[in-house]
C-alpha atoms as a PDB file:
ATOM      1  CA  MET A   1      67.522  55.182  44.880  1.00  0.00           C
ATOM      2  CA  GLY A   2      66.858  51.997  42.783  1.00  0.00           C
ATOM      3  CA  THR A   3      68.485  49.120  41.241  1.00  0.00           C
ATOM      4  CA  TRP A   4      68.575  50.459  37.867  1.00  0.00           C
ATOM      5  CA  VAL A   5      70.123  53.663  38.807  1.00  0.00           C
ATOM      6  CA  TRP A   6      73.388  52.292  39.535  1.00  0.00           C
ATOM      7  CA  VAL A   7      73.100  50.169  36.658  1.00  0.00           C
ATOM      8  CA  THR A   8      72.710  53.221  34.723  1.00  0.00           C
ATOM      9  CA  ILE A   9      75.873  54.602  36.195  1.00  0.00           C
ATOM     10  CA  ILE A  10      77.833  51.679  35.481  1.00  0.00           C
ATOM     11  CA  ALA A  11      76.583  51.914  31.621  1.00  0.00           C
ATOM     12  CA  ALA A  12      77.546  55.124  31.550  1.00  0.00           C
ATOM     13  CA  VAL A  13      80.909  54.415  32.602  1.00  0.00           C
ATOM     14  CA  SER A  14      81.425  51.541  30.753  1.00  0.00           C
ATOM     15  CA  GLN A  15      80.047  53.348  27.412  1.00  0.00           C
ATOM     16  CA  SER A  16      82.697  55.847  27.866  1.00  0.00           C
ATOM     17  CA  LEU A  17      85.573  53.812  28.337  1.00  0.00           C
ATOM     18  CA  ARG A  18      84.352  51.575  25.158  1.00  0.00           C
ATOM     19  CA  THR A  19      84.176  54.550  22.998  1.00  0.00           C
ATOM     20  CA  ALA A  20      87.789  55.623  23.880  1.00  0.00           C
ATOM     21  CA  GLN A  21      89.337  52.597  23.077  1.00  0.00           C
ATOM     22  CA  GLN A  22      86.798  52.796  19.669  1.00  0.00           C
ATOM     23  CA  LYS A  23      88.183  55.894  18.905  1.00  0.00           C
ATOM     24  CA  ASN A  24      92.346  54.604  19.883  1.00  0.00           C
ATOM     25  CA  LEU A  25      91.316  51.436  16.960  1.00  0.00           C
ATOM     26  CA  THR A  26      89.921  53.776  14.412  1.00  0.00           C
ATOM     27  CA  GLY A  27      93.283  54.923  13.292  1.00  0.00           C
ATOM     28  CA  SER A  28      94.191  51.020  12.544  1.00  0.00           C
ATOM     29  CA  LEU A  29      90.516  49.349  11.485  1.00  0.00           C
ATOM     30  CA  GLY A  30      89.245  52.256   9.391  1.00  0.00           C
ATOM     31  CA  GLU A  31      85.860  53.783  10.973  1.00  0.00           C
ATOM     32  CA  PHE A  32      83.652  50.532  10.405  1.00  0.00           C
ATOM     33  CA  GLY A  33      86.462  48.011  11.637  1.00  0.00           C
ATOM     34  CA  ALA A  34      85.940  49.872  14.965  1.00  0.00           C
ATOM     35  CA  SER A  35      82.288  49.982  14.925  1.00  0.00           C
ATOM     36  CA  PHE A  36      82.231  46.411  13.644  1.00  0.00           C
ATOM     37  CA  VAL A  37      84.369  45.132  17.345  1.00  0.00           C
ATOM     38  CA  ARG A  38      81.484  46.465  19.014  1.00  0.00           C
ATOM     39  CA  PHE A  39      79.531  43.691  17.811  1.00  0.00           C
ATOM     40  CA  SER A  40      81.454  40.542  17.392  1.00  0.00           C
ATOM     41  CA  TYR A  41      84.508  41.093  20.312  1.00  0.00           C
ATOM     42  CA  ALA A  42      81.014  41.382  22.452  1.00  0.00           C
ATOM     43  CA  VAL A  43      79.587  37.768  21.310  1.00  0.00           C
ATOM     44  CA  PRO A  44      81.352  35.307  23.336  1.00  0.00           C
ATOM     45  CA  PHE A  45      81.486  37.362  26.477  1.00  0.00           C
ATOM     46  CA  ALA A  46      77.455  38.081  26.181  1.00  0.00           C
ATOM     47  CA  TRP A  47      77.119  34.254  25.609  1.00  0.00           C
ATOM     48  CA  THR A  48      79.494  33.087  28.244  1.00  0.00           C
ATOM     49  CA  TRP A  49      77.783  35.219  30.853  1.00  0.00           C
ATOM     50  CA  LEU A  50      74.731  34.109  30.242  1.00  0.00           C
ATOM     51  CA  ILE A  51      75.144  30.700  29.892  1.00  0.00           C
ATOM     52  CA  SER A  52      77.588  30.842  33.587  1.00  0.00           C
ATOM     53  CA  TYR A  53      74.686  32.866  34.646  1.00  0.00           C
ATOM     54  CA  SER A  54      72.306  30.246  34.813  1.00  0.00           C
ATOM     55  CA  TYR A  55      74.496  27.673  34.879  1.00  0.00           C
ATOM     56  CA  PHE A  56      74.897  28.906  38.405  1.00  0.00           C
ATOM     57  CA  THR A  57      72.064  30.129  39.748  1.00  0.00           C
ATOM     58  CA  ASN A  58      69.850  27.310  38.274  1.00  0.00           C
ATOM     59  CA  VAL A  59      68.069  30.058  36.519  1.00  0.00           C
ATOM     60  CA  SER A  60      66.050  28.464  32.580  1.00  0.00           C
ATOM     61  CA  LEU A  61      66.847  30.639  30.042  1.00  0.00           C
ATOM     62  CA  PRO A  62      63.662  32.262  28.700  1.00  0.00           C
ATOM     63  CA  LYS A  63      62.120  30.949  25.734  1.00  0.00           C
ATOM     64  CA  ILE A  64      62.277  32.964  22.277  1.00  0.00           C
ATOM     65  CA  ASN A  65      59.287  33.882  20.994  1.00  0.00           C
ATOM     66  CA  SER A  66      58.394  35.550  17.331  1.00  0.00           C
ATOM     67  CA  GLU A  67      57.546  39.172  19.195  1.00  0.00           C
ATOM     68  CA  PHE A  68      61.492  39.072  20.364  1.00  0.00           C
ATOM     69  CA  LEU A  69      63.161  38.190  17.807  1.00  0.00           C
ATOM     70  CA  PHE A  70      60.845  41.050  15.412  1.00  0.00           C
ATOM     71  CA  TRP A  71      62.307  44.089  18.076  1.00  0.00           C
ATOM     72  CA  VAL A  72      65.206  42.099  18.677  1.00  0.00           C
ATOM     73  CA  ILE A  73      65.947  42.895  14.682  1.00  0.00           C
ATOM     74  CA  VAL A  74      64.435  46.026  14.010  1.00  0.00           C
ATOM     75  CA  GLY A  75      66.869  47.261  17.322  1.00  0.00           C
ATOM     76  CA  GLY A  76      69.964  45.650  15.730  1.00  0.00           C
ATOM     77  CA  LEU A  77      69.129  47.382  12.360  1.00  0.00           C
ATOM     78  CA  LEU A  78      68.550  50.884  13.597  1.00  0.00           C
ATOM     79  CA  GLN A  79      71.989  50.374  16.082  1.00  0.00           C
ATOM     80  CA  ILE A  80      74.143  49.699  13.080  1.00  0.00           C
ATOM     81  CA  ILE A  81      72.234  52.551  11.205  1.00  0.00           C
ATOM     82  CA  PHE A  82      73.409  55.235  13.973  1.00  0.00           C
ATOM     83  CA  THR A  83      76.939  54.430  14.192  1.00  0.00           C
ATOM     84  CA  VAL A  84      76.713  55.039  10.339  1.00  0.00           C
ATOM     85  CA  LEU A  85      75.483  57.478  10.614  1.00  0.00           C
ATOM     86  CA  LEU A  86      77.009  58.989  13.675  1.00  0.00           C
ATOM     87  CA  ILE A  87      80.513  58.168  11.943  1.00  0.00           C
ATOM     88  CA  LYS A  88      79.458  60.129   8.724  1.00  0.00           C
ATOM     89  CA  LEU A  89      78.240  63.025  10.562  1.00  0.00           C
ATOM     90  CA  PHE A  90      81.914  62.719  12.769  1.00  0.00           C
ATOM     91  CA  SER A  91      83.571  62.854   9.109  1.00  0.00           C
ATOM     92  CA  LEU A  92      82.453  66.130   8.533  1.00  0.00           C
ATOM     93  CA  ARG A  93      84.412  69.644   8.591  1.00  0.00           C
ATOM     94  CA  SER A  94      81.478  71.464  10.593  1.00  0.00           C
ATOM     95  CA  PHE A  95      79.567  68.531  12.838  1.00  0.00           C
ATOM     96  CA  ALA A  96      78.975  70.912  15.981  1.00  0.00           C
ATOM     97  CA  ALA A  97      75.419  71.816  15.281  1.00  0.00           C
ATOM     98  CA  GLY A  98      74.961  68.192  14.080  1.00  0.00           C
ATOM     99  CA  THR A  99      76.106  66.776  17.080  1.00  0.00           C
ATOM    100  CA  ALA A 100      74.026  69.369  19.165  1.00  0.00           C
ATOM    101  CA  PHE A 101      71.323  67.937  17.070  1.00  0.00           C
ATOM    102  CA  SER A 102      71.723  64.309  17.960  1.00  0.00           C
ATOM    103  CA  LYS A 103      71.860  65.014  21.817  1.00  0.00           C
ATOM    104  CA  THR A 104      68.018  65.461  21.677  1.00  0.00           C
ATOM    105  CA  GLU A 105      68.183  61.442  21.980  1.00  0.00           C
ATOM    106  CA  VAL A 106      66.853  61.878  25.397  1.00  0.00           C
ATOM    107  CA  LEU A 107      63.774  63.364  23.903  1.00  0.00           C
ATOM    108  CA  GLN A 108      63.087  61.694  21.178  1.00  0.00           C
ATOM    109  CA  ALA A 109      63.178  58.479  22.818  1.00  0.00           C
ATOM    110  CA  SER A 110      59.721  60.259  25.630  1.00  0.00           C
ATOM    111  CA  PHE A 111      57.914  60.411  22.661  1.00  0.00           C
ATOM    112  CA  PHE A 112      58.774  57.307  20.818  1.00  0.00           C
ATOM    113  CA  GLU A 113      58.177  55.440  24.477  1.00  0.00           C
ATOM    114  CA  ALA A 114      54.684  57.253  24.299  1.00  0.00           C
ATOM    115  CA  LEU A 115      53.973  56.059  20.838  1.00  0.00           C
ATOM    116  CA  ILE A 116      54.911  52.849  20.335  1.00  0.00           C
ATOM    117  CA  ILE A 117      54.379  50.913  23.819  1.00  0.00           C
ATOM    118  CA  GLY A 118      52.348  53.680  26.355  1.00  0.00           C
ATOM    119  CA  THR A 119      54.379  54.923  28.563  1.00  0.00           C
ATOM    120  CA  ILE A 120      54.784  58.372  29.419  1.00  0.00           C
ATOM    121  CA  VAL A 121      56.525  60.370  31.492  1.00  0.00           C
ATOM    122  CA  SER A 122      55.523  62.321  34.387  1.00  0.00           C
ATOM    123  CA  ILE A 123      55.276  66.500  34.214  1.00  0.00           C
ATOM    124  CA  GLN A 124      58.479  66.249  36.370  1.00  0.00           C
ATOM    125  CA  VAL A 125      61.170  63.590  34.246  1.00  0.00           C
ATOM    126  CA  GLY A 126      59.852  65.402  31.483  1.00  0.00           C
ATOM    127  CA  LEU A 127      60.851  68.722  32.751  1.00  0.00           C
ATOM    128  CA  GLY A 128      64.036  67.224  33.504  1.00  0.00           C
ATOM    129  CA  ILE A 129      64.801  65.403  30.581  1.00  0.00           C
ATOM    130  CA  VAL A 130      64.182  68.840  28.302  1.00  0.00           C
ATOM    131  CA  ILE A 131      66.793  70.948  31.064  1.00  0.00           C
ATOM    132  CA  GLY A 132      69.386  68.290  30.139  1.00  0.00           C
ATOM    133  CA  VAL A 133      68.866  68.282  26.670  1.00  0.00           C
ATOM    134  CA  MET A 134      69.248  72.261  26.579  1.00  0.00           C
ATOM    135  CA  ALA A 135      72.484  71.865  29.039  1.00  0.00           C
ATOM    136  CA  ILE A 136      74.179  68.929  26.562  1.00  0.00           C
ATOM    137  CA  ILE A 137      73.640  71.128  23.628  1.00  0.00           C
ATOM    138  CA  LEU A 138      75.393  73.999  25.605  1.00  0.00           C
ATOM    139  CA  LEU A 139      78.229  71.449  25.969  1.00  0.00           C
ATOM    140  CA  SER A 140      78.308  70.752  22.285  1.00  0.00           C
ATOM    141  CA  ILE A 141      78.760  73.810  21.335  1.00  0.00           C
ATOM    142  CA  ILE A 142      80.602  75.587  23.549  1.00  0.00           C
ATOM    143  CA  LYS A 143      84.019  75.743  22.166  1.00  0.00           C
ATOM    144  CA  SER A 144      82.973  75.979  18.505  1.00  0.00           C
ATOM    145  CA  LYS A 145      81.254  79.095  16.737  1.00  0.00           C
ATOM    146  CA  VAL A 146      78.575  77.712  16.127  1.00  0.00           C
ATOM    147  CA  THR A 147      75.670  80.653  18.462  1.00  0.00           C
ATOM    148  CA  ILE A 148      71.991  79.544  18.874  1.00  0.00           C
ATOM    149  CA  ARG A 149      71.444  81.852  15.833  1.00  0.00           C
ATOM    150  CA  ASN A 150      73.325  79.908  14.189  1.00  0.00           C
ATOM    151  CA  LEU A 151      72.003  76.755  15.522  1.00  0.00           C
ATOM    152  CA  LEU A 152      68.666  77.247  15.116  1.00  0.00           C
ATOM    153  CA  ALA A 153      69.288  78.657  10.976  1.00  0.00           C
ATOM    154  CA  SER A 154      71.278  75.524  11.012  1.00  0.00           C
ATOM    155  CA  LEU A 155      67.977  73.477  10.575  1.00  0.00           C
ATOM    156  CA  LYS A 156      68.030  72.334   7.546  1.00  0.00           C
ATOM    157  CA  THR A 157      71.659  71.766   7.278  1.00  0.00           C
ATOM    158  CA  LYS A 158      73.097  68.073   6.448  1.00  0.00           C
ATOM    159  CA  GLN A 159      74.879  68.378   9.669  1.00  0.00           C
ATOM    160  CA  ALA A 160      71.164  69.052  11.258  1.00  0.00           C
ATOM    161  CA  ILE A 161      69.535  66.473   9.587  1.00  0.00           C
ATOM    162  CA  LEU A 162      72.052  63.510  10.487  1.00  0.00           C
ATOM    163  CA  GLY A 163      72.172  64.581  13.822  1.00  0.00           C
ATOM    164  CA  LEU A 164      68.087  64.073  14.060  1.00  0.00           C
ATOM    165  CA  ALA A 165      68.111  61.608  12.509  1.00  0.00           C
ATOM    166  CA  SER A 166      71.073  59.677  14.061  1.00  0.00           C
ATOM    167  CA  GLY A 167      69.278  60.870  17.649  1.00  0.00           C
ATOM    168  CA  ALA A 168      66.016  59.694  16.670  1.00  0.00           C
ATOM    169  CA  PHE A 169      67.348  55.881  15.695  1.00  0.00           C
ATOM    170  CA  LEU A 170      69.118  55.589  18.871  1.00  0.00           C
ATOM    171  CA  ALA A 171      65.740  56.498  21.090  1.00  0.00           C
ATOM    172  CA  ILE A 172      63.933  54.060  18.578  1.00  0.00           C
ATOM    173  CA  CYS A 173      67.090  51.492  18.872  1.00  0.00           C
ATOM    174  CA  SER A 174      66.787  51.768  22.798  1.00  0.00           C
ATOM    175  CA  VAL A 175      62.643  51.245  23.027  1.00  0.00           C
ATOM    176  CA  ALA A 176      62.850  48.291  20.317  1.00  0.00           C
ATOM    177  CA  TYR A 177      65.529  46.739  23.119  1.00  0.00           C
ATOM    178  CA  ARG A 178      62.496  47.190  25.922  1.00  0.00           C
ATOM    179  CA  VAL A 179      59.948  45.846  24.391  1.00  0.00           C
ATOM    180  CA  ALA A 180      61.836  43.047  23.518  1.00  0.00           C
ATOM    181  CA  THR A 181      63.212  42.395  26.495  1.00  0.00           C
ATOM    182  CA  ASP A 182      60.010  42.596  27.713  1.00  0.00           C
ATOM    183  CA  SER A 183      58.300  40.518  25.547  1.00  0.00           C
ATOM    184  CA  LEU A 184      60.555  37.293  26.976  1.00  0.00           C
ATOM    185  CA  GLU A 185      58.659  35.046  29.823  1.00  0.00           C
ATOM    186  CA  GLY A 186      60.203  34.897  33.588  1.00  0.00           C
ATOM    187  CA  SER A 187      60.528  36.987  36.206  1.00  0.00           C
ATOM    188  CA  ASP A 188      64.375  37.157  36.139  1.00  0.00           C
ATOM    189  CA  LEU A 189      65.516  40.561  34.326  1.00  0.00           C
ATOM    190  CA  ILE A 190      69.903  39.755  34.712  1.00  0.00           C
ATOM    191  CA  ALA A 191      68.332  36.501  32.116  1.00  0.00           C
ATOM    192  CA  ARG A 192      65.945  37.954  30.052  1.00  0.00           C
ATOM    193  CA  ALA A 193      68.576  41.289  29.709  1.00  0.00           C
ATOM    194  CA  GLY A 194      71.034  38.863  29.403  1.00  0.00           C
ATOM    195  CA  THR A 195      69.540  37.095  26.436  1.00  0.00           C
ATOM    196  CA  THR A 196      68.434  39.846  24.430  1.00  0.00           C
ATOM    197  CA  LEU A 197      72.237  41.094  24.550  1.00  0.00           C
ATOM    198  CA  SER A 198      72.708  37.780  23.741  1.00  0.00           C
ATOM    199  CA  ILE A 199      70.939  37.562  20.558  1.00  0.00           C
ATOM    200  CA  SER A 200      71.412  41.237  18.903  1.00  0.00           C
ATOM    201  CA  VAL A 201      75.251  41.204  19.144  1.00  0.00           C
ATOM    202  CA  THR A 202      75.280  37.682  17.408  1.00  0.00           C
ATOM    203  CA  PHE A 203      72.512  39.190  14.731  1.00  0.00           C
ATOM    204  CA  GLN A 204      74.705  42.439  14.577  1.00  0.00           C
ATOM    205  CA  THR A 205      78.142  40.454  13.850  1.00  0.00           C
ATOM    206  CA  VAL A 206      76.643  38.256  11.266  1.00  0.00           C
ATOM    207  CA  LEU A 207      74.815  41.309   8.646  1.00  0.00           C
ATOM    208  CA  MET A 208      77.761  44.182   9.742  1.00  0.00           C
ATOM    209  CA  GLY A 209      80.456  40.998   8.965  1.00  0.00           C
ATOM    210  CA  LEU A 210      78.437  39.788   5.295  1.00  0.00           C
ATOM    211  CA  TRP A 211      78.470  44.061   4.503  1.00  0.00           C
ATOM    212  CA  MET A 212      81.629  44.566   5.154  1.00  0.00           C
ATOM    213  CA  GLN A 213      83.078  41.517   3.295  1.00  0.00           C
ATOM    214  CA  ARG A 214      81.573  42.516   0.643  1.00  0.00           C
ATOM    215  CA  TYR A 215      82.275  46.771   0.269  1.00  0.00           C
ATOM    216  CA  ALA A 216      85.089  47.106   3.434  1.00  0.00           C
ATOM    217  CA  VAL A 217      86.975  43.177   3.241  1.00  0.00           C
ATOM    218  CA  SER A 218      90.070  44.755   4.327  1.00  0.00           C
ATOM    219  CA  GLU A 219      88.791  46.662   6.978  1.00  0.00           C
ATOM    220  CA  LEU A 220      86.888  43.250   8.495  1.00  0.00           C
ATOM    221  CA  LYS A 221      90.719  41.314   7.998  1.00  0.00           C
ATOM    222  CA  LYS A 222      92.508  44.436  10.086  1.00  0.00           C
ATOM    223  CA  THR A 223      89.569  43.356  12.897  1.00  0.00           C
ATOM    224  CA  PHE A 224      91.168  40.153  13.316  1.00  0.00           C
ATOM    225  CA  VAL A 225      94.574  41.621  13.615  1.00  0.00           C
ATOM    226  CA  GLU A 226      94.120  44.066  16.500  1.00  0.00           C
ATOM    227  CA  TRP A 227      92.370  41.819  18.485  1.00  0.00           C
ATOM    228  CA  ARG A 228      94.219  42.153  21.793  1.00  0.00           C
ATOM    229  CA  SER A 229      93.252  45.761  21.660  1.00  0.00           C
ATOM    230  CA  ALA A 230      89.498  45.016  20.383  1.00  0.00           C
ATOM    231  CA  PHE A 231      89.013  42.382  22.871  1.00  0.00           C
ATOM    232  CA  LEU A 232      88.704  45.454  25.564  1.00  0.00           C
ATOM    233  CA  VAL A 233      86.322  47.037  22.919  1.00  0.00           C
ATOM    234  CA  GLY A 234      84.151  44.075  22.909  1.00  0.00           C
ATOM    235  CA  PHE A 235      84.229  43.508  26.929  1.00  0.00           C
ATOM    236  CA  PHE A 236      83.100  47.125  27.688  1.00  0.00           C
ATOM    237  CA  GLY A 237      80.566  46.688  24.708  1.00  0.00           C
ATOM    238  CA  ALA A 238      78.926  43.814  25.881  1.00  0.00           C
ATOM    239  CA  LEU A 239      78.429  45.313  29.733  1.00  0.00           C
ATOM    240  CA  THR A 240      77.447  48.563  28.285  1.00  0.00           C
ATOM    241  CA  SER A 241      74.776  46.869  26.291  1.00  0.00           C
ATOM    242  CA  PHE A 242      73.384  44.662  29.309  1.00  0.00           C
ATOM    243  CA  CYS A 243      73.746  47.683  31.430  1.00  0.00           C
ATOM    244  CA  TRP A 244      71.496  49.579  29.536  1.00  0.00           C
ATOM    245  CA  PHE A 245      68.925  46.745  28.507  1.00  0.00           C
ATOM    246  CA  TYR A 246      68.620  45.945  32.303  1.00  0.00           C
ATOM    247  CA  ALA A 247      67.557  49.946  33.354  1.00  0.00           C
ATOM    248  CA  PHE A 248      65.066  50.103  30.069  1.00  0.00           C
ATOM    249  CA  SER A 249      63.250  46.715  31.754  1.00  0.00           C
ATOM    250  CA  ALA A 250      63.564  48.256  34.894  1.00  0.00           C
ATOM    251  CA  ASN A 251      62.304  51.377  34.738  1.00  0.00           C
ATOM    252  CA  ALA A 252      61.831  52.733  31.574  1.00  0.00           C
ATOM    253  CA  VAL A 253      64.287  54.086  28.476  1.00  0.00           C
ATOM    254  CA  ALA A 254      63.736  58.018  28.702  1.00  0.00           C
ATOM    255  CA  PRO A 255      63.984  58.430  32.802  1.00  0.00           C
ATOM    256  CA  VAL A 256      67.632  56.062  32.396  1.00  0.00           C
ATOM    257  CA  ARG A 257      68.534  57.857  28.848  1.00  0.00           C
ATOM    258  CA  ALA A 258      68.211  60.683  31.031  1.00  0.00           C
ATOM    259  CA  VAL A 259      69.724  59.822  34.401  1.00  0.00           C
ATOM    260  CA  GLY A 260      73.141  58.405  31.729  1.00  0.00           C
ATOM    261  CA  GLN A 261      73.734  61.109  30.719  1.00  0.00           C
ATOM    262  CA  ILE A 262      76.050  62.099  33.831  1.00  0.00           C
ATOM    263  CA  GLU A 263      78.789  60.494  31.179  1.00  0.00           C
ATOM    264  CA  LEU A 264      79.228  63.996  29.874  1.00  0.00           C
ATOM    265  CA  VAL A 265      79.353  65.217  34.142  1.00  0.00           C
ATOM    266  CA  ILE A 266      82.069  62.290  34.529  1.00  0.00           C
ATOM    267  CA  ALA A 267      83.701  62.697  31.635  1.00  0.00           C
ATOM    268  CA  LEU A 268      84.221  66.834  32.514  1.00  0.00           C
ATOM    269  CA  LEU A 269      85.302  65.992  35.597  1.00  0.00           C
ATOM    270  CA  ILE A 270      87.937  63.751  34.447  1.00  0.00           C
ATOM    271  CA  SER A 271      89.292  66.519  32.481  1.00  0.00           C
ATOM    272  CA  PHE A 272      88.812  69.331  35.019  1.00  0.00           C
ATOM    273  CA  SER A 273      91.038  67.049  37.702  1.00  0.00           C
ATOM    274  CA  PHE A 274      93.832  64.667  35.710  1.00  0.00           C
ATOM    275  CA  PHE A 275      94.044  67.227  32.439  1.00  0.00           C
ATOM    276  CA  LYS A 276      94.092  70.631  34.708  1.00  0.00           C
ATOM    277  CA  GLU A 277      91.912  71.783  31.952  1.00  0.00           C
ATOM    278  CA  LYS A 278      90.066  75.129  32.999  1.00  0.00           C
ATOM    279  CA  PRO A 279      85.683  74.635  32.748  1.00  0.00           C
ATOM    280  CA  SER A 280      84.866  78.249  31.346  1.00  0.00           C
ATOM    281  CA  PHE A 281      81.799  79.540  33.400  1.00  0.00           C
ATOM    282  CA  LYS A 282      79.673  78.384  30.153  1.00  0.00           C
ATOM    283  CA  GLU A 283      80.431  75.046  31.121  1.00  0.00           C
ATOM    284  CA  LEU A 284      79.975  75.470  34.777  1.00  0.00           C
ATOM    285  CA  ILE A 285      76.394  76.602  34.194  1.00  0.00           C
ATOM    286  CA  ALA A 286      75.751  73.673  31.363  1.00  0.00           C
ATOM    287  CA  ILE A 287      77.199  70.951  34.327  1.00  0.00           C
ATOM    288  CA  MET A 288      74.778  72.336  36.690  1.00  0.00           C
ATOM    289  CA  LEU A 289      72.084  72.192  34.534  1.00  0.00           C
ATOM    290  CA  LEU A 290      72.535  68.615  34.095  1.00  0.00           C
ATOM    291  CA  LEU A 291      73.336  67.937  37.169  1.00  0.00           C
ATOM    292  CA  PHE A 292      69.959  69.237  37.994  1.00  0.00           C
ATOM    293  CA  SER A 293      68.159  67.524  35.269  1.00  0.00           C
ATOM    294  CA  ILE A 294      69.405  64.229  36.220  1.00  0.00           C
ATOM    295  CA  LEU A 295      68.562  64.816  40.032  1.00  0.00           C
ATOM    296  CA  LEU A 296      64.995  65.810  38.582  1.00  0.00           C
ATOM    297  CA  VAL A 297      64.456  62.815  37.273  1.00  0.00           C
ATOM    298  CA  LEU A 298      66.302  60.101  40.358  1.00  0.00           C
ATOM    299  CA  PHE A 299      64.056  62.563  42.487  1.00  0.00           C
ATOM    300  CA  ASP A 300      60.327  62.640  40.615  1.00  0.00           C
END
């Protein structure tokens, strides 16, 4: 297996840790505050890692160009919008169907990647992506009252629209970051991915910070008070984004996102092993389908 596979697994695990910490902070910081620290506290880590890597390896940092700036801005904006949509989705009472639709992000990523940069996945990878999305949707609705019939009937609901939109924004955002990283000169992918990370989180911090200063100033102030807890969100946020950016350019967005779904398998295994939760038959089927989909992508 290539390096991108291991980097993707690190990204998936780190993302789980970041999300868990963000959820813990939602009560004290509010929804926007918990989202903001994902970017703001990642800034010092991103720049420290990038400058240190350049200094100790004697690798020159890539020069910024107009194409890079355009796609970083696009990716940064879409990532903020995705976060807001997801927060809105979780605030709804019945969000199981919407959550399931948001998981189509992997499938949408393959479409937008082909549309924007012409990268088309193989039949085997495409099949793996479809099976993986089916498994994720099954896991999303497995403990709710949402049935397949209701899921199809809910296509016109607010939850479905928010779910599909959040998936689409995340998919386009991922492709935008890949294009941004690829537009930088140089053969050192670590330096290019690190540059994309540093510029993007700085832009997002400034943009969202200005917005919160006007519309959510109390939550903005709280992010400075709870700096000890937010510190971990920033660390895992920076690590997660760097790994995704590296993997996107090392391979392609859709297969990387497909392999990244192993995060769900890890989370479920932790629940079964440490919290002694008994898996249902449907959960076991969904896990097997998800693992099979990942293997299809890996062994293409």
